[in-house]
């Protein structure tokens, strides 16, 4: 989505698919058992496959090449997430200790 070589219509399709997913208005209402959820299960993957075909091959290839750098980025995300969890647990422990005394 952030690559400037990605066509605007592919980006617009992504926004439309996301809007359809979160929208309460569906082709088949969700309150109908089983069939109501099938429209998301069937239409969303088809739409994403269509969007994937709209993206130029050069952009896809560059993203595949950039995934090598993603391993170090994933490690940073994991460490950052652990730090956030530790901070929240510390805050919750502090609040619990204050409220219990």
Protein backbone atom coordinates (compact mmCIF):
# COMPACT_ATOMS: atom_id res chain seq x y z
CA UNK A 1 0.00 0.00 0.00
CA UNK A 2 2.83 2.42 0.74
CA UNK A 3 4.75 1.79 -2.46
CA UNK A 4 4.18 4.57 -4.99
CA UNK A 5 4.29 2.07 -7.84
CA UNK A 6 1.11 0.42 -6.57
CA UNK A 7 -1.78 1.70 -8.69
CA UNK A 8 -4.36 3.91 -6.99
CA UNK A 9 -7.18 1.58 -8.01
CA UNK A 10 -5.53 -1.35 -6.20
CA UNK A 11 -5.29 0.78 -3.06
CA UNK A 12 -8.91 1.87 -3.49
CA UNK A 13 -9.99 -1.76 -3.80
CA UNK A 14 -8.22 -2.61 -0.53
CA UNK A 15 -10.08 0.21 1.20
CA UNK A 16 -13.38 -0.98 -0.27
CA UNK A 17 -12.77 -4.58 0.84
CA UNK A 18 -11.90 -3.42 4.35
CA UNK A 19 -15.00 -1.25 4.41
CA UNK A 20 -17.10 -4.22 3.32
CA UNK A 21 -15.61 -6.40 6.05
CA UNK A 22 -16.38 -3.95 8.86
CA UNK A 23 -19.66 -2.70 7.39
CA UNK A 24 -22.86 -3.96 8.98
CA UNK A 25 -24.42 -4.02 5.51
CA UNK A 26 -23.79 -7.32 3.71
CA UNK A 27 -24.98 -8.93 0.52
CA UNK A 28 -26.39 -11.75 2.65
CA UNK A 29 -27.31 -10.63 6.22
CA UNK A 30 -25.13 -12.20 8.94
CA UNK A 31 -28.12 -13.19 11.09
CA UNK A 32 -28.98 -15.92 8.57
CA UNK A 33 -27.22 -19.00 10.00
CA UNK A 34 -24.18 -20.26 8.08
CA UNK A 35 -25.10 -18.62 4.78
CA UNK A 36 -24.83 -15.15 6.30
CA UNK A 37 -21.13 -15.58 6.99
CA UNK A 38 -20.36 -17.27 3.70
CA UNK A 39 -20.35 -14.02 1.76
CA UNK A 40 -17.29 -12.84 3.72
CA UNK A 41 -15.67 -16.26 3.51
CA UNK A 42 -16.10 -16.41 -0.27
CA UNK A 43 -16.06 -12.81 -1.50
CA UNK A 44 -13.16 -11.42 0.55
CA UNK A 45 -10.56 -13.98 -0.62
CA UNK A 46 -11.72 -13.54 -4.22
CA UNK A 47 -11.42 -9.77 -3.91
CA UNK A 48 -7.96 -10.04 -2.32
CA UNK A 49 -6.78 -12.37 -5.09
CA UNK A 50 -8.04 -9.86 -7.66
CA UNK A 51 -6.25 -7.01 -5.87
CA UNK A 52 -3.05 -9.07 -5.76
CA UNK A 53 -3.21 -9.40 -9.55
CA UNK A 54 -3.53 -5.61 -9.88
CA UNK A 55 -0.20 -5.04 -8.11
CA UNK A 56 2.76 -4.93 -10.53
CA UNK A 57 5.22 -7.85 -10.40
CA UNK A 58 8.13 -5.49 -9.67
CA UNK A 59 6.44 -4.32 -6.47
CA UNK A 60 5.77 -7.91 -5.40
CA UNK A 61 9.36 -8.92 -6.11
CA UNK A 62 10.74 -5.97 -4.15
CA UNK A 63 8.55 -6.91 -1.20
CA UNK A 64 9.82 -10.48 -1.32
CA UNK A 65 13.39 -9.18 -1.31
CA UNK A 66 12.62 -6.84 1.60
CA UNK A 67 11.29 -9.70 3.71
CA UNK A 68 14.88 -10.68 4.48
CA UNK A 69 15.15 -7.43 6.44
CA UNK A 70 11.88 -8.22 8.15
CA UNK A 71 13.47 -10.84 10.44
CA UNK A 72 15.39 -8.17 12.34
CA UNK A 73 12.27 -6.01 12.34
CA UNK A 74 10.22 -8.87 13.80
CA UNK A 75 12.75 -9.29 16.61
CA UNK A 76 12.41 -5.59 17.41
CA UNK A 77 8.61 -5.90 17.45
CA UNK A 78 8.77 -8.88 19.81
CA UNK A 79 11.15 -7.09 22.20
CA UNK A 80 9.03 -3.94 22.11
CA UNK A 81 5.86 -5.94 22.76
CA UNK A 82 7.47 -7.68 25.73
CA UNK A 83 8.55 -4.33 27.15
CA UNK A 84 5.00 -3.00 26.86
CA UNK A 85 3.60 -6.09 28.58
CA UNK A 86 6.18 -5.75 31.38
CA UNK A 87 5.31 -2.08 31.87
CA UNK A 88 1.57 -2.84 32.00
CA UNK A 89 2.09 -5.72 34.42
CA UNK A 90 4.21 -3.45 36.62
CA UNK A 91 1.50 -0.77 36.60
CA UNK A 92 -1.22 -3.30 37.40
CA UNK A 93 0.89 -4.82 40.21
CA UNK A 94 1.51 -1.35 41.63
CA UNK A 95 -2.20 -0.50 41.52
CA UNK A 96 -3.09 -3.85 43.12
CA UNK A 97 -0.58 -3.34 45.92
CA UNK A 98 -1.87 0.18 46.57
CA UNK A 99 -5.50 -0.92 46.64
CA UNK A 100 -4.87 -3.90 48.94
CA UNK A 101 -3.16 -1.84 51.66
